[in-house]
């Protein structure tokens, strides 16, 4: 595959990932899973959405390779597939906080 095609494909994949992360509840799910794996019932109570909605979000995250599962009896546990995704979210959060701080300083000025 020519280099330009590889580059274009990478941009497509990155855009798809960004779309996946553009949902606030999915970001909250990722944050809740950043420290340890959790069961669906734990996530329902922590994220505060119905199990059906949570399951849809988890299915999308799993389909994109952002989370992995482990079954124990009837329970399904989810965990972050690659800790770099949490680091990326944290980095973007830091940038946003810096920008907010700069805007506040300009307003106080």
C-alpha atoms as a PDB file:
ATOM      1  CA  UNK A   1       0.000   0.000   0.000  1.00  0.00           C
ATOM      2  CA  UNK A   2       1.441   3.404  -0.947  1.00  0.00           C
ATOM      3  CA  UNK A   3       2.434   5.717   1.893  1.00  0.00           C
ATOM      4  CA  UNK A   4      -0.298   8.279   1.137  1.00  0.00           C
ATOM      5  CA  UNK A   5      -2.984   5.570   1.300  1.00  0.00           C
ATOM      6  CA  UNK A   6      -1.623   4.380   4.654  1.00  0.00           C
ATOM      7  CA  UNK A   7      -1.677   7.934   5.940  1.00  0.00           C
ATOM      8  CA  UNK A   8      -5.246   8.484   4.695  1.00  0.00           C
ATOM      9  CA  UNK A   9      -6.360   5.235   6.315  1.00  0.00           C
ATOM     10  CA  UNK A  10      -4.769   6.278   9.600  1.00  0.00           C
ATOM     11  CA  UNK A  11      -6.691   9.575   9.501  1.00  0.00           C
ATOM     12  CA  UNK A  12      -9.918   7.660   8.878  1.00  0.00           C
ATOM     13  CA  UNK A  13      -9.244   5.406  11.863  1.00  0.00           C
ATOM     14  CA  UNK A  14      -8.356   8.381  14.044  1.00  0.00           C
ATOM     15  CA  UNK A  15     -11.551  10.189  13.026  1.00  0.00           C
ATOM     16  CA  UNK A  16     -13.553   7.058  13.862  1.00  0.00           C
ATOM     17  CA  UNK A  17     -11.909   6.892  17.287  1.00  0.00           C
ATOM     18  CA  UNK A  18     -12.610  10.578  17.907  1.00  0.00           C
ATOM     19  CA  UNK A  19     -16.269  10.033  16.985  1.00  0.00           C
ATOM     20  CA  UNK A  20     -16.382   7.172  19.467  1.00  0.00           C
ATOM     21  CA  UNK A  21     -14.950   9.425  22.173  1.00  0.00           C
ATOM     22  CA  UNK A  22     -17.249  12.348  21.359  1.00  0.00           C
ATOM     23  CA  UNK A  23     -19.984  10.919  23.578  1.00  0.00           C
ATOM     24  CA  UNK A  24     -19.799  12.196  27.191  1.00  0.00           C
ATOM     25  CA  UNK A  25     -21.138   8.929  28.651  1.00  0.00           C
ATOM     26  CA  UNK A  26     -18.492   6.901  26.813  1.00  0.00           C
ATOM     27  CA  UNK A  27     -15.815   9.181  28.230  1.00  0.00           C
ATOM     28  CA  UNK A  28     -17.305   8.675  31.679  1.00  0.00           C
ATOM     29  CA  UNK A  29     -17.278   4.903  31.176  1.00  0.00           C
ATOM     30  CA  UNK A  30     -13.610   5.034  30.163  1.00  0.00           C
ATOM     31  CA  UNK A  31     -12.791   7.128  33.217  1.00  0.00           C
ATOM     32  CA  UNK A  32     -14.657   4.695  35.490  1.00  0.00           C
ATOM     33  CA  UNK A  33     -12.680   1.800  34.034  1.00  0.00           C
ATOM     34  CA  UNK A  34      -9.326   3.579  34.211  1.00  0.00           C
ATOM     35  CA  UNK A  35      -8.392   2.183  37.605  1.00  0.00           C
ATOM     36  CA  UNK A  36      -9.778  -1.333  37.514  1.00  0.00           C
ATOM     37  CA  UNK A  37     -12.156  -3.656  35.756  1.00  0.00           C
ATOM     38  CA  UNK A  38     -15.800  -3.381  36.714  1.00  0.00           C
ATOM     39  CA  UNK A  39     -18.970  -5.354  36.247  1.00  0.00           C
ATOM     40  CA  UNK A  40     -21.895  -4.034  34.252  1.00  0.00           C
ATOM     41  CA  UNK A  41     -23.905  -3.537  37.454  1.00  0.00           C
ATOM     42  CA  UNK A  42     -21.087  -1.487  39.011  1.00  0.00           C
ATOM     43  CA  UNK A  43     -20.901   0.681  35.906  1.00  0.00           C
ATOM     44  CA  UNK A  44     -24.683   1.170  35.856  1.00  0.00           C
ATOM     45  CA  UNK A  45     -24.602   2.658  39.355  1.00  0.00           C
ATOM     46  CA  UNK A  46     -21.455   4.730  38.760  1.00  0.00           C
ATOM     47  CA  UNK A  47     -22.375   6.132  35.346  1.00  0.00           C
ATOM     48  CA  UNK A  48     -26.045   6.547  36.194  1.00  0.00           C
ATOM     49  CA  UNK A  49     -27.691   5.272  33.025  1.00  0.00           C
ATOM     50  CA  UNK A  50     -29.962   2.330  32.334  1.00  0.00           C
ATOM     51  CA  UNK A  51     -28.307  -1.020  31.737  1.00  0.00           C
ATOM     52  CA  UNK A  52     -29.630  -1.201  28.165  1.00  0.00           C
ATOM     53  CA  UNK A  53     -27.992   2.134  27.296  1.00  0.00           C
ATOM     54  CA  UNK A  54     -24.778   1.194  29.063  1.00  0.00           C
ATOM     55  CA  UNK A  55     -24.643  -2.105  27.188  1.00  0.00           C
ATOM     56  CA  UNK A  56     -24.934  -0.270  23.868  1.00  0.00           C
ATOM     57  CA  UNK A  57     -22.060   2.047  24.775  1.00  0.00           C
ATOM     58  CA  UNK A  58     -19.934  -0.868  25.990  1.00  0.00           C
ATOM     59  CA  UNK A  59     -20.643  -2.814  22.795  1.00  0.00           C
ATOM     60  CA  UNK A  60     -19.427   0.128  20.693  1.00  0.00           C
ATOM     61  CA  UNK A  61     -16.318   0.566  22.836  1.00  0.00           C
ATOM     62  CA  UNK A  62     -15.605  -3.151  22.601  1.00  0.00           C
ATOM     63  CA  UNK A  63     -16.181  -3.209  18.833  1.00  0.00           C
ATOM     64  CA  UNK A  64     -13.558  -0.463  18.455  1.00  0.00           C
ATOM     65  CA  UNK A  65     -11.104  -2.309  20.709  1.00  0.00           C
ATOM     66  CA  UNK A  66     -11.185   0.224  23.529  1.00  0.00           C
ATOM     67  CA  UNK A  67     -12.466  -2.182  26.183  1.00  0.00           C
ATOM     68  CA  UNK A  68     -12.170  -5.916  26.742  1.00  0.00           C
ATOM     69  CA  UNK A  69     -14.357  -8.314  28.682  1.00  0.00           C
ATOM     70  CA  UNK A  70     -13.998 -11.189  31.085  1.00  0.00           C
ATOM     71  CA  UNK A  71     -16.839 -13.457  32.112  1.00  0.00           C
ATOM     72  CA  UNK A  72     -17.181 -14.894  35.585  1.00  0.00           C
ATOM     73  CA  UNK A  73     -20.319 -16.969  35.870  1.00  0.00           C
ATOM     74  CA  UNK A  74     -23.206 -14.767  34.813  1.00  0.00           C
ATOM     75  CA  UNK A  75     -21.265 -11.536  35.394  1.00  0.00           C
ATOM     76  CA  UNK A  76     -19.362  -9.718  32.663  1.00  0.00           C
ATOM     77  CA  UNK A  77     -16.440  -7.530  33.671  1.00  0.00           C
ATOM     78  CA  UNK A  78     -15.044  -4.750  31.497  1.00  0.00           C
ATOM     79  CA  UNK A  79     -11.572  -3.256  31.486  1.00  0.00           C
ATOM     80  CA  UNK A  80      -9.619  -0.801  29.357  1.00  0.00           C
ATOM     81  CA  UNK A  81      -7.889  -2.638  26.503  1.00  0.00           C
ATOM     82  CA  UNK A  82      -4.931  -0.253  26.320  1.00  0.00           C
ATOM     83  CA  UNK A  83      -4.030   2.229  29.086  1.00  0.00           C
ATOM     84  CA  UNK A  84      -2.837   4.705  26.453  1.00  0.00           C
ATOM     85  CA  UNK A  85      -6.469   5.537  25.673  1.00  0.00           C
ATOM     86  CA  UNK A  86      -6.878   6.754  29.272  1.00  0.00           C
ATOM     87  CA  UNK A  87      -3.648   8.743  28.962  1.00  0.00           C
ATOM     88  CA  UNK A  88      -4.921  10.330  25.736  1.00  0.00           C
ATOM     89  CA  UNK A  89      -8.197  11.342  27.407  1.00  0.00           C
ATOM     90  CA  UNK A  90      -6.277  12.741  30.384  1.00  0.00           C
ATOM     91  CA  UNK A  91      -4.022  14.741  28.066  1.00  0.00           C
ATOM     92  CA  UNK A  92      -6.987  16.270  26.239  1.00  0.00           C
ATOM     93  CA  UNK A  93      -8.590  17.089  29.607  1.00  0.00           C
ATOM     94  CA  UNK A  94      -5.389  18.887  30.690  1.00  0.00           C
ATOM     95  CA  UNK A  95      -5.395  20.959  27.493  1.00  0.00           C
ATOM     96  CA  UNK A  96      -9.037  21.923  28.081  1.00  0.00           C
ATOM     97  CA  UNK A  97      -8.361  22.909  31.691  1.00  0.00           C
ATOM     98  CA  UNK A  98      -5.400  25.050  30.598  1.00  0.00           C
ATOM     99  CA  UNK A  99      -7.552  26.795  27.992  1.00  0.00           C
ATOM    100  CA  UNK A 100     -10.314  27.432  30.539  1.00  0.00           C
ATOM    101  CA  UNK A 101      -7.792  28.838  32.974  1.00  0.00           C
ATOM    102  CA  UNK A 102      -6.345  31.137  30.294  1.00  0.00           C
ATOM    103  CA  UNK A 103      -9.834  32.395  29.401  1.00  0.00           C
ATOM    104  CA  UNK A 104     -10.644  33.053  33.055  1.00  0.00           C
ATOM    105  CA  UNK A 105      -7.410  35.011  33.446  1.00  0.00           C
ATOM    106  CA  UNK A 106      -8.259  37.114  30.378  1.00  0.00           C
ATOM    107  CA  UNK A 107     -11.708  37.871  31.774  1.00  0.00           C
ATOM    108  CA  UNK A 108     -10.317  38.811  35.201  1.00  0.00           C
ATOM    109  CA  UNK A 109      -7.565  40.620  33.392  1.00  0.00           C
END
